[in-house]
PDB file of all heavy atoms in Angstrom:
ATOM      1  N   LEU A   1      88.580  68.258 150.345  1.00  0.00           N
ATOM      2  CA  LEU A   1      89.259  69.019 151.398  1.00  0.00           C
ATOM      3  C   LEU A   1      89.116  70.524 151.166  1.00  0.00           C
ATOM      4  O   LEU A   1      88.931  71.288 152.117  1.00  0.00           O
ATOM      5  CB  LEU A   1      90.739  68.628 151.438  1.00  0.00           C
ATOM      6  CG  LEU A   1      91.037  67.242 152.017  1.00  0.00           C
ATOM      7  CD1 LEU A   1      92.478  66.830 151.712  1.00  0.00           C
ATOM      8  CD2 LEU A   1      90.779  67.218 153.525  1.00  0.00           C
ATOM      9  N   ILE A   2      89.188  70.945 149.916  1.00  0.00           N
ATOM     10  CA  ILE A   2      88.987  72.371 149.600  1.00  0.00           C
ATOM     11  C   ILE A   2      87.564  72.774 149.966  1.00  0.00           C
ATOM     12  O   ILE A   2      87.330  73.833 150.571  1.00  0.00           O
ATOM     13  CB  ILE A   2      89.270  72.640 148.114  1.00  0.00           C
ATOM     14  CG1 ILE A   2      90.757  72.470 147.812  1.00  0.00           C
ATOM     15  CG2 ILE A   2      88.814  74.052 147.726  1.00  0.00           C
ATOM     16  CD1 ILE A   2      91.119  72.583 146.345  1.00  0.00           C
ATOM     17  N   LYS A   3      86.607  71.932 149.616  1.00  0.00           N
ATOM     18  CA  LYS A   3      85.209  72.218 149.934  1.00  0.00           C
ATOM     19  C   LYS A   3      85.004  72.293 151.441  1.00  0.00           C
ATOM     20  O   LYS A   3      84.319  73.182 151.951  1.00  0.00           O
ATOM     21  CB  LYS A   3      84.318  71.139 149.329  1.00  0.00           C
ATOM     22  CG  LYS A   3      82.828  71.395 149.507  1.00  0.00           C
ATOM     23  CD  LYS A   3      82.013  70.325 148.795  1.00  0.00           C
ATOM     24  CE  LYS A   3      80.518  70.581 148.949  1.00  0.00           C
ATOM     25  NZ  LYS A   3      79.710  69.541 148.282  1.00  0.00           N
ATOM     26  N   MET A   4      85.639  71.369 152.158  1.00  0.00           N
ATOM     27  CA  MET A   4      85.544  71.363 153.619  1.00  0.00           C
ATOM     28  C   MET A   4      86.144  72.637 154.202  1.00  0.00           C
ATOM     29  O   MET A   4      85.583  73.260 155.109  1.00  0.00           O
ATOM     30  CB  MET A   4      86.285  70.142 154.163  1.00  0.00           C
ATOM     31  CG  MET A   4      86.286  70.011 155.677  1.00  0.00           C
ATOM     32  SD  MET A   4      87.197  68.517 156.146  1.00  0.00           S
ATOM     33  CE  MET A   4      87.059  68.604 157.930  1.00  0.00           C
ATOM     34  N   PHE A   5      87.285  73.048 153.671  1.00  0.00           N
ATOM     35  CA  PHE A   5      87.964  74.252 154.132  1.00  0.00           C
ATOM     36  C   PHE A   5      87.066  75.475 154.006  1.00  0.00           C
ATOM     37  O   PHE A   5      86.919  76.268 154.941  1.00  0.00           O
ATOM     38  CB  PHE A   5      89.232  74.430 153.298  1.00  0.00           C
ATOM     39  CG  PHE A   5      90.110  75.584 153.711  1.00  0.00           C
ATOM     40  CD1 PHE A   5      90.513  75.731 155.014  1.00  0.00           C
ATOM     41  CD2 PHE A   5      90.550  76.500 152.772  1.00  0.00           C
ATOM     42  CE1 PHE A   5      91.338  76.783 155.394  1.00  0.00           C
ATOM     43  CE2 PHE A   5      91.382  77.547 153.129  1.00  0.00           C
ATOM     44  CZ  PHE A   5      91.772  77.689 154.449  1.00  0.00           C
ATOM     45  N   TYR A   6      86.413  75.628 152.860  1.00  0.00           N
ATOM     46  CA  TYR A   6      85.576  76.800 152.630  1.00  0.00           C
ATOM     47  C   TYR A   6      84.181  76.671 153.212  1.00  0.00           C
ATOM     48  O   TYR A   6      83.629  77.642 153.720  1.00  0.00           O
ATOM     49  CB  TYR A   6      85.502  77.098 151.132  1.00  0.00           C
ATOM     50  CG  TYR A   6      86.710  77.824 150.640  1.00  0.00           C
ATOM     51  CD1 TYR A   6      87.742  77.138 150.006  1.00  0.00           C
ATOM     52  CD2 TYR A   6      86.867  79.181 150.860  1.00  0.00           C
ATOM     53  CE1 TYR A   6      88.878  77.800 149.589  1.00  0.00           C
ATOM     54  CE2 TYR A   6      87.993  79.855 150.445  1.00  0.00           C
ATOM     55  CZ  TYR A   6      89.001  79.158 149.813  1.00  0.00           C
ATOM     56  OH  TYR A   6      90.129  79.814 149.410  1.00  0.00           O
ATOM     57  N   ASN A   7      83.589  75.509 153.148  1.00  0.00           N
ATOM     58  CA  ASN A   7      82.244  75.338 153.696  1.00  0.00           C
ATOM     59  C   ASN A   7      82.203  75.620 155.183  1.00  0.00           C
ATOM     60  O   ASN A   7      81.289  76.248 155.697  1.00  0.00           O
ATOM     61  CB  ASN A   7      81.720  73.926 153.426  1.00  0.00           C
ATOM     62  CG  ASN A   7      81.077  73.792 152.065  1.00  0.00           C
ATOM     63  OD1 ASN A   7      81.100  74.728 151.277  1.00  0.00           O
ATOM     64  ND2 ASN A   7      80.521  72.645 151.787  1.00  0.00           N
ATOM     65  N   GLN A   8      83.206  75.151 155.895  1.00  0.00           N
ATOM     66  CA  GLN A   8      83.199  75.359 157.334  1.00  0.00           C
ATOM     67  C   GLN A   8      83.431  76.821 157.680  1.00  0.00           C
ATOM     68  O   GLN A   8      82.878  77.354 158.624  1.00  0.00           O
ATOM     69  CB  GLN A   8      84.252  74.473 157.999  1.00  0.00           C
ATOM     70  CG  GLN A   8      83.883  73.012 157.852  1.00  0.00           C
ATOM     71  CD  GLN A   8      84.684  72.124 158.750  1.00  0.00           C
ATOM     72  OE1 GLN A   8      84.369  72.022 159.929  1.00  0.00           O
ATOM     73  NE2 GLN A   8      85.691  71.484 158.218  1.00  0.00           N
ATOM     74  N   LYS A   9      84.251  77.482 156.851  1.00  0.00           N
ATOM     75  CA  LYS A   9      84.492  78.909 157.079  1.00  0.00           C
ATOM     76  C   LYS A   9      83.230  79.727 156.870  1.00  0.00           C
ATOM     77  O   LYS A   9      82.911  80.644 157.615  1.00  0.00           O
ATOM     78  CB  LYS A   9      85.620  79.367 156.148  1.00  0.00           C
ATOM     79  CG  LYS A   9      85.950  80.846 156.193  1.00  0.00           C
ATOM     80  CD  LYS A   9      85.208  81.639 155.144  1.00  0.00           C
ATOM     81  CE  LYS A   9      85.498  81.161 153.754  1.00  0.00           C
ATOM     82  NZ  LYS A   9      84.756  81.962 152.748  1.00  0.00           N
ATOM     83  N   ASN A  10      82.469  79.372 155.827  1.00  0.00           N
ATOM     84  CA  ASN A  10      81.286  80.145 155.479  1.00  0.00           C
ATOM     85  C   ASN A  10      80.031  79.712 156.226  1.00  0.00           C
ATOM     86  O   ASN A  10      78.975  80.296 156.064  1.00  0.00           O
ATOM     87  CB  ASN A  10      81.023  80.033 153.976  1.00  0.00           C
ATOM     88  CG  ASN A  10      82.035  80.830 153.165  1.00  0.00           C
ATOM     89  OD1 ASN A  10      82.438  81.900 153.567  1.00  0.00           O
ATOM     90  ND2 ASN A  10      82.450  80.288 152.037  1.00  0.00           N
ATOM     91  N   ASN A  11      80.154  78.630 157.004  1.00  0.00           N
ATOM     92  CA  ASN A  11      79.012  78.117 157.761  1.00  0.00           C
ATOM     93  C   ASN A  11      77.850  77.763 156.833  1.00  0.00           C
ATOM     94  O   ASN A  11      76.694  78.105 157.073  1.00  0.00           O
ATOM     95  CB  ASN A  11      78.555  79.122 158.817  1.00  0.00           C
ATOM     96  CG  ASN A  11      77.745  78.450 159.915  1.00  0.00           C
ATOM     97  OD1 ASN A  11      77.905  77.261 160.161  1.00  0.00           O
ATOM     98  ND2 ASN A  11      76.892  79.213 160.554  1.00  0.00           N
ATOM     99  N   ILE A  12      78.181  77.098 155.741  1.00  0.00           N
ATOM    100  CA  ILE A  12      77.175  76.738 154.746  1.00  0.00           C
ATOM    101  C   ILE A  12      76.449  75.458 155.160  1.00  0.00           C
ATOM    102  O   ILE A  12      77.062  74.471 155.508  1.00  0.00           O
ATOM    103  CB  ILE A  12      77.835  76.512 153.366  1.00  0.00           C
ATOM    104  CG1 ILE A  12      78.443  77.829 152.873  1.00  0.00           C
ATOM    105  CG2 ILE A  12      76.839  75.979 152.353  1.00  0.00           C
ATOM    106  CD1 ILE A  12      79.263  77.677 151.618  1.00  0.00           C
ATOM    107  N   ASN A  13      75.124  75.485 155.100  1.00  0.00           N
ATOM    108  CA  ASN A  13      74.328  74.300 155.362  1.00  0.00           C
ATOM    109  C   ASN A  13      73.919  73.686 154.033  1.00  0.00           C
ATOM    110  O   ASN A  13      72.801  73.828 153.571  1.00  0.00           O
ATOM    111  CB  ASN A  13      73.079  74.643 156.194  1.00  0.00           C
ATOM    112  CG  ASN A  13      73.458  75.122 157.579  1.00  0.00           C
ATOM    113  OD1 ASN A  13      74.481  74.735 158.114  1.00  0.00           O
ATOM    114  ND2 ASN A  13      72.636  75.976 158.154  1.00  0.00           N
ATOM    115  N   GLY A  14      74.859  73.059 153.378  1.00  0.00           N
ATOM    116  CA  GLY A  14      74.608  72.482 152.061  1.00  0.00           C
ATOM    117  C   GLY A  14      74.274  71.016 152.135  1.00  0.00           C
ATOM    118  O   GLY A  14      74.097  70.457 153.212  1.00  0.00           O
ATOM    119  N   PRO A  15      74.188  70.350 150.997  1.00  0.00           N
ATOM    120  CA  PRO A  15      73.809  68.946 150.965  1.00  0.00           C
ATOM    121  C   PRO A  15      74.849  68.035 151.593  1.00  0.00           C
ATOM    122  O   PRO A  15      74.530  66.962 152.075  1.00  0.00           O
ATOM    123  CB  PRO A  15      73.674  68.652 149.462  1.00  0.00           C
ATOM    124  CG  PRO A  15      74.528  69.691 148.802  1.00  0.00           C
ATOM    125  CD  PRO A  15      74.420  70.895 149.658  1.00  0.00           C
ATOM    126  N   THR A  16      76.124  68.475 151.582  1.00  0.00           N
ATOM    127  CA  THR A  16      77.170  67.636 152.158  1.00  0.00           C
ATOM    128  C   THR A  16      77.226  67.774 153.660  1.00  0.00           C
ATOM    129  O   THR A  16      77.355  66.806 154.391  1.00  0.00           O
ATOM    130  CB  THR A  16      78.548  68.000 151.564  1.00  0.00           C
ATOM    131  OG1 THR A  16      78.478  67.860 150.145  1.00  0.00           O
ATOM    132  CG2 THR A  16      79.619  67.064 152.091  1.00  0.00           C
ATOM    133  N   PHE A  17      77.099  69.000 154.149  1.00  0.00           N
ATOM    134  CA  PHE A  17      77.154  69.256 155.571  1.00  0.00           C
ATOM    135  C   PHE A  17      75.783  69.728 156.050  1.00  0.00           C
ATOM    136  O   PHE A  17      75.308  70.776 155.648  1.00  0.00           O
ATOM    137  CB  PHE A  17      78.195  70.339 155.895  1.00  0.00           C
ATOM    138  CG  PHE A  17      79.576  70.000 155.431  1.00  0.00           C
ATOM    139  CD1 PHE A  17      80.083  70.528 154.266  1.00  0.00           C
ATOM    140  CD2 PHE A  17      80.358  69.123 156.154  1.00  0.00           C
ATOM    141  CE1 PHE A  17      81.360  70.219 153.844  1.00  0.00           C
ATOM    142  CE2 PHE A  17      81.636  68.802 155.734  1.00  0.00           C
ATOM    143  CZ  PHE A  17      82.139  69.352 154.573  1.00  0.00           C
ATOM    144  N   GLY A  18      75.182  68.971 156.936  1.00  0.00           N
ATOM    145  CA  GLY A  18      73.873  69.339 157.453  1.00  0.00           C
ATOM    146  C   GLY A  18      73.978  70.461 158.462  1.00  0.00           C
ATOM    147  O   GLY A  18      75.066  70.878 158.840  1.00  0.00           O
ATOM    148  N   PRO A  19      72.842  70.976 158.953  1.00  0.00           N
ATOM    149  CA  PRO A  19      72.840  72.105 159.874  1.00  0.00           C
ATOM    150  C   PRO A  19      73.668  71.873 161.131  1.00  0.00           C
ATOM    151  O   PRO A  19      74.203  72.806 161.695  1.00  0.00           O
ATOM    152  CB  PRO A  19      71.355  72.264 160.214  1.00  0.00           C
ATOM    153  CG  PRO A  19      70.636  71.701 159.041  1.00  0.00           C
ATOM    154  CD  PRO A  19      71.488  70.572 158.563  1.00  0.00           C
ATOM    155  N   LEU A  20      73.785  70.621 161.564  1.00  0.00           N
ATOM    156  CA  LEU A  20      74.534  70.337 162.775  1.00  0.00           C
ATOM    157  C   LEU A  20      75.995  70.014 162.486  1.00  0.00           C
ATOM    158  O   LEU A  20      76.781  69.807 163.392  1.00  0.00           O
ATOM    159  CB  LEU A  20      73.898  69.151 163.518  1.00  0.00           C
ATOM    160  CG  LEU A  20      72.457  69.353 163.969  1.00  0.00           C
ATOM    161  CD1 LEU A  20      71.957  68.090 164.657  1.00  0.00           C
ATOM    162  CD2 LEU A  20      72.336  70.540 164.915  1.00  0.00           C
ATOM    163  N   ALA A  21      76.332  69.964 161.207  1.00  0.00           N
ATOM    164  CA  ALA A  21      77.655  69.474 160.842  1.00  0.00           C
ATOM    165  C   ALA A  21      78.664  70.569 160.587  1.00  0.00           C
ATOM    166  O   ALA A  21      79.846  70.303 160.520  1.00  0.00           O
ATOM    167  CB  ALA A  21      77.555  68.605 159.589  1.00  0.00           C
ATOM    168  N   VAL A  22      78.211  71.802 160.457  1.00  0.00           N
ATOM    169  CA  VAL A  22      79.112  72.853 159.995  1.00  0.00           C
ATOM    170  C   VAL A  22      79.387  73.855 161.101  1.00  0.00           C
ATOM    171  O   VAL A  22      78.513  74.265 161.831  1.00  0.00           O
ATOM    172  CB  VAL A  22      78.499  73.587 158.788  1.00  0.00           C
ATOM    173  CG1 VAL A  22      79.478  74.617 158.251  1.00  0.00           C
ATOM    174  CG2 VAL A  22      78.143  72.581 157.715  1.00  0.00           C
ATOM    175  N   SER A  23      80.647  74.247 161.201  1.00  0.00           N
ATOM    176  CA  SER A  23      81.037  75.308 162.112  1.00  0.00           C
ATOM    177  C   SER A  23      82.074  76.156 161.393  1.00  0.00           C
ATOM    178  O   SER A  23      82.532  75.789 160.325  1.00  0.00           O
ATOM    179  CB  SER A  23      81.609  74.711 163.395  1.00  0.00           C
ATOM    180  OG  SER A  23      81.944  75.724 164.308  1.00  0.00           O
ATOM    181  N   ASP A  24      82.440  77.289 161.957  1.00  0.00           N
ATOM    182  CA  ASP A  24      83.442  78.097 161.271  1.00  0.00           C
ATOM    183  C   ASP A  24      84.833  77.802 161.825  1.00  0.00           C
ATOM    184  O   ASP A  24      85.014  77.011 162.728  1.00  0.00           O
ATOM    185  CB  ASP A  24      83.103  79.588 161.384  1.00  0.00           C
ATOM    186  CG  ASP A  24      83.014  80.069 162.822  1.00  0.00           C
ATOM    187  OD1 ASP A  24      83.737  79.495 163.662  1.00  0.00           O
ATOM    188  OD2 ASP A  24      82.244  80.992 163.089  1.00  0.00           O
ATOM    189  N   CYS A  25      85.829  78.458 161.254  1.00  0.00           N
ATOM    190  CA  CYS A  25      87.211  78.165 161.609  1.00  0.00           C
ATOM    191  C   CYS A  25      87.551  78.516 163.051  1.00  0.00           C
ATOM    192  O   CYS A  25      88.543  78.043 163.583  1.00  0.00           O
ATOM    193  CB  CYS A  25      88.154  78.916 160.666  1.00  0.00           C
ATOM    194  SG  CYS A  25      88.388  78.078 159.090  1.00  0.00           S
ATOM    195  N   TYR A  26      86.752  79.336 163.668  1.00  0.00           N
ATOM    196  CA  TYR A  26      87.050  79.719 165.033  1.00  0.00           C
ATOM    197  C   TYR A  26      86.771  78.594 166.023  1.00  0.00           C
ATOM    198  O   TYR A  26      87.353  78.540 167.084  1.00  0.00           O
ATOM    199  CB  TYR A  26      86.226  80.955 165.433  1.00  0.00           C
ATOM    200  CG  TYR A  26      86.692  82.220 164.763  1.00  0.00           C
ATOM    201  CD1 TYR A  26      86.090  82.663 163.594  1.00  0.00           C
ATOM    202  CD2 TYR A  26      87.745  82.956 165.280  1.00  0.00           C
ATOM    203  CE1 TYR A  26      86.515  83.814 162.966  1.00  0.00           C
ATOM    204  CE2 TYR A  26      88.181  84.114 164.655  1.00  0.00           C
ATOM    205  CZ  TYR A  26      87.551  84.542 163.503  1.00  0.00           C
ATOM    206  OH  TYR A  26      87.985  85.662 162.875  1.00  0.00           O
ATOM    207  N   THR A  27      85.858  77.718 165.677  1.00  0.00           N
ATOM    208  CA  THR A  27      85.438  76.698 166.636  1.00  0.00           C
ATOM    209  C   THR A  27      85.625  75.283 166.116  1.00  0.00           C
ATOM    210  O   THR A  27      85.397  74.338 166.841  1.00  0.00           O
ATOM    211  CB  THR A  27      83.951  76.884 166.991  1.00  0.00           C
ATOM    212  OG1 THR A  27      83.167  76.808 165.790  1.00  0.00           O
ATOM    213  CG2 THR A  27      83.715  78.223 167.667  1.00  0.00           C
ATOM    214  N   ASP A  28      86.042  75.121 164.891  1.00  0.00           N
ATOM    215  CA  ASP A  28      86.093  73.792 164.300  1.00  0.00           C
ATOM    216  C   ASP A  28      87.504  73.462 163.833  1.00  0.00           C
ATOM    217  O   ASP A  28      88.029  74.092 162.926  1.00  0.00           O
ATOM    218  CB  ASP A  28      85.120  73.705 163.122  1.00  0.00           C
ATOM    219  CG  ASP A  28      84.797  72.260 162.771  1.00  0.00           C
ATOM    220  OD1 ASP A  28      85.711  71.419 162.867  1.00  0.00           O
ATOM    221  OD2 ASP A  28      83.651  71.993 162.414  1.00  0.00           O
ATOM    222  N   ASN A  29      88.109  72.460 164.477  1.00  0.00           N
ATOM    223  CA  ASN A  29      89.455  72.040 164.126  1.00  0.00           C
ATOM    224  C   ASN A  29      89.520  71.475 162.712  1.00  0.00           C
ATOM    225  O   ASN A  29      90.595  71.364 162.133  1.00  0.00           O
ATOM    226  CB  ASN A  29      89.933  70.984 165.138  1.00  0.00           C
ATOM    227  CG  ASN A  29      91.388  70.628 164.978  1.00  0.00           C
ATOM    228  OD1 ASN A  29      92.226  71.493 164.736  1.00  0.00           O
ATOM    229  ND2 ASN A  29      91.697  69.349 165.099  1.00  0.00           N
ATOM    230  N   GLY A  30      88.386  71.114 162.137  1.00  0.00           N
ATOM    231  CA  GLY A  30      88.361  70.557 160.793  1.00  0.00           C
ATOM    232  C   GLY A  30      88.885  71.527 159.754  1.00  0.00           C
ATOM    233  O   GLY A  30      89.530  71.121 158.779  1.00  0.00           O
ATOM    234  N   CYS A  31      88.632  72.808 159.926  1.00  0.00           N
ATOM    235  CA  CYS A  31      89.114  73.821 158.994  1.00  0.00           C
ATOM    236  C   CYS A  31      90.640  73.831 158.970  1.00  0.00           C
ATOM    237  O   CYS A  31      91.260  73.854 157.910  1.00  0.00           O
ATOM    238  CB  CYS A  31      88.579  75.185 159.414  1.00  0.00           C
ATOM    239  SG  CYS A  31      88.927  76.516 158.261  1.00  0.00           S
ATOM    240  N   TYR A  32      91.235  73.779 160.149  1.00  0.00           N
ATOM    241  CA  TYR A  32      92.688  73.733 160.266  1.00  0.00           C
ATOM    242  C   TYR A  32      93.251  72.451 159.663  1.00  0.00           C
ATOM    243  O   TYR A  32      94.221  72.473 158.893  1.00  0.00           O
ATOM    244  CB  TYR A  32      93.100  73.853 161.730  1.00  0.00           C
ATOM    245  CG  TYR A  32      94.550  73.511 161.995  1.00  0.00           C
ATOM    246  CD1 TYR A  32      95.564  74.403 161.657  1.00  0.00           C
ATOM    247  CD2 TYR A  32      94.893  72.286 162.572  1.00  0.00           C
ATOM    248  CE1 TYR A  32      96.894  74.083 161.894  1.00  0.00           C
ATOM    249  CE2 TYR A  32      96.216  71.962 162.808  1.00  0.00           C
ATOM    250  CZ  TYR A  32      97.210  72.863 162.470  1.00  0.00           C
ATOM    251  OH  TYR A  32      98.523  72.546 162.695  1.00  0.00           O
ATOM    252  N   GLN A  33      92.635  71.313 160.006  1.00  0.00           N
ATOM    253  CA  GLN A  33      93.134  70.032 159.519  1.00  0.00           C
ATOM    254  C   GLN A  33      92.997  69.920 157.998  1.00  0.00           C
ATOM    255  O   GLN A  33      93.844  69.314 157.333  1.00  0.00           O
ATOM    256  CB  GLN A  33      92.402  68.876 160.201  1.00  0.00           C
ATOM    257  CG  GLN A  33      92.696  68.717 161.688  1.00  0.00           C
ATOM    258  CD  GLN A  33      94.144  68.356 161.971  1.00  0.00           C
ATOM    259  OE1 GLN A  33      94.920  68.047 161.073  1.00  0.00           O
ATOM    260  NE2 GLN A  33      94.522  68.396 163.229  1.00  0.00           N
ATOM    261  N   ALA A  34      91.935  70.488 157.443  1.00  0.00           N
ATOM    262  CA  ALA A  34      91.775  70.480 155.987  1.00  0.00           C
ATOM    263  C   ALA A  34      92.891  71.280 155.326  1.00  0.00           C
ATOM    264  O   ALA A  34      93.449  70.873 154.301  1.00  0.00           O
ATOM    265  CB  ALA A  34      90.410  71.053 155.603  1.00  0.00           C
ATOM    266  N   ALA A  35      93.237  72.417 155.913  1.00  0.00           N
ATOM    267  CA  ALA A  35      94.313  73.247 155.367  1.00  0.00           C
ATOM    268  C   ALA A  35      95.652  72.523 155.420  1.00  0.00           C
ATOM    269  O   ALA A  35      96.420  72.522 154.455  1.00  0.00           O
ATOM    270  CB  ALA A  35      94.396  74.565 156.134  1.00  0.00           C
ATOM    271  N   VAL A  36      95.934  71.895 156.551  1.00  0.00           N
ATOM    272  CA  VAL A  36      97.189  71.156 156.703  1.00  0.00           C
ATOM    273  C   VAL A  36      97.245  69.997 155.708  1.00  0.00           C
ATOM    274  O   VAL A  36      98.284  69.749 155.075  1.00  0.00           O
ATOM    275  CB  VAL A  36      97.344  70.632 158.148  1.00  0.00           C
ATOM    276  CG1 VAL A  36      98.530  69.678 158.249  1.00  0.00           C
ATOM    277  CG2 VAL A  36      97.522  71.796 159.113  1.00  0.00           C
ATOM    278  N   ALA A  37      96.144  69.290 155.559  1.00  0.00           N
ATOM    279  CA  ALA A  37      96.099  68.164 154.617  1.00  0.00           C
ATOM    280  C   ALA A  37      96.355  68.636 153.186  1.00  0.00           C
ATOM    281  O   ALA A  37      97.073  67.984 152.418  1.00  0.00           O
ATOM    282  CB  ALA A  37      94.747  67.457 154.707  1.00  0.00           C
ATOM    283  N   LEU A  38      95.777  69.776 152.824  1.00  0.00           N
ATOM    284  CA  LEU A  38      95.998  70.314 151.480  1.00  0.00           C
ATOM    285  C   LEU A  38      97.479  70.630 151.257  1.00  0.00           C
ATOM    286  O   LEU A  38      98.025  70.404 150.175  1.00  0.00           O
ATOM    287  CB  LEU A  38      95.152  71.563 151.267  1.00  0.00           C
ATOM    288  CG  LEU A  38      93.653  71.315 151.080  1.00  0.00           C
ATOM    289  CD1 LEU A  38      92.875  72.631 151.151  1.00  0.00           C
ATOM    290  CD2 LEU A  38      93.382  70.621 149.741  1.00  0.00           C
ATOM    291  N   GLY A  39      98.128  71.141 152.293  1.00  0.00           N
ATOM    292  CA  GLY A  39      99.552  71.420 152.191  1.00  0.00           C
ATOM    293  C   GLY A  39     100.371  70.153 152.005  1.00  0.00           C
ATOM    294  O   GLY A  39     101.296  70.101 151.194  1.00  0.00           O
ATOM    295  N   LYS A  40     100.036  69.120 152.755  1.00  0.00           N
ATOM    296  CA  LYS A  40     100.789  67.863 152.687  1.00  0.00           C
ATOM    297  C   LYS A  40     100.584  67.149 151.352  1.00  0.00           C
ATOM    298  O   LYS A  40     101.532  66.641 150.754  1.00  0.00           O
ATOM    299  CB  LYS A  40     100.365  66.945 153.834  1.00  0.00           C
ATOM    300  CG  LYS A  40     100.827  67.402 155.205  1.00  0.00           C
ATOM    301  CD  LYS A  40     100.380  66.416 156.284  1.00  0.00           C
ATOM    302  CE  LYS A  40     100.929  66.805 157.647  1.00  0.00           C
ATOM    303  NZ  LYS A  40     100.501  65.848 158.698  1.00  0.00           N
ATOM    304  N   ILE A  41      99.338  67.099 150.885  1.00  0.00           N
ATOM    305  CA  ILE A  41      99.042  66.389 149.638  1.00  0.00           C
ATOM    306  C   ILE A  41      99.503  67.202 148.428  1.00  0.00           C
ATOM    307  O   ILE A  41      99.930  66.652 147.414  1.00  0.00           O
ATOM    308  CB  ILE A  41      97.533  66.083 149.537  1.00  0.00           C
ATOM    309  CG1 ILE A  41      97.092  65.205 150.721  1.00  0.00           C
ATOM    310  CG2 ILE A  41      97.199  65.372 148.232  1.00  0.00           C
ATOM    311  CD1 ILE A  41      95.575  65.050 150.835  1.00  0.00           C
ATOM    312  N   GLY A  42      99.411  68.523 148.531  1.00  0.00           N
ATOM    313  CA  GLY A  42      99.722  69.392 147.402  1.00  0.00           C
ATOM    314  C   GLY A  42     101.179  69.397 146.991  1.00  0.00           C
ATOM    315  O   GLY A  42     101.529  69.950 145.953  1.00  0.00           O
ATOM    316  N   ARG A  43     102.046  68.763 147.790  1.00  0.00           N
ATOM    317  CA  ARG A  43     103.473  68.727 147.459  1.00  0.00           C
ATOM    318  C   ARG A  43     103.794  67.720 146.358  1.00  0.00           C
ATOM    319  O   ARG A  43     104.913  67.665 145.870  1.00  0.00           O
ATOM    320  CB  ARG A  43     104.281  68.385 148.718  1.00  0.00           C
ATOM    321  CG  ARG A  43     104.248  69.465 149.780  1.00  0.00           C
ATOM    322  CD  ARG A  43     105.023  69.088 151.012  1.00  0.00           C
ATOM    323  NE  ARG A  43     104.431  67.974 151.739  1.00  0.00           N
ATOM    324  CZ  ARG A  43     104.876  67.528 152.910  1.00  0.00           C
ATOM    325  NH1 ARG A  43     105.937  68.097 153.457  1.00  0.00           N
ATOM    326  NH2 ARG A  43     104.292  66.521 153.512  1.00  0.00           N
TER     327      ARG A  43
END
């Protein structure tokens, strides 16, 4: 989830997320959901 949070923000095309899989926080709800999940699990 941490990797997802940062990878999507940085628009990284790494081995986990292919070129079509990554977007930044402005357009991808995944960044928000990853942050919320980290808050819920981190308790």
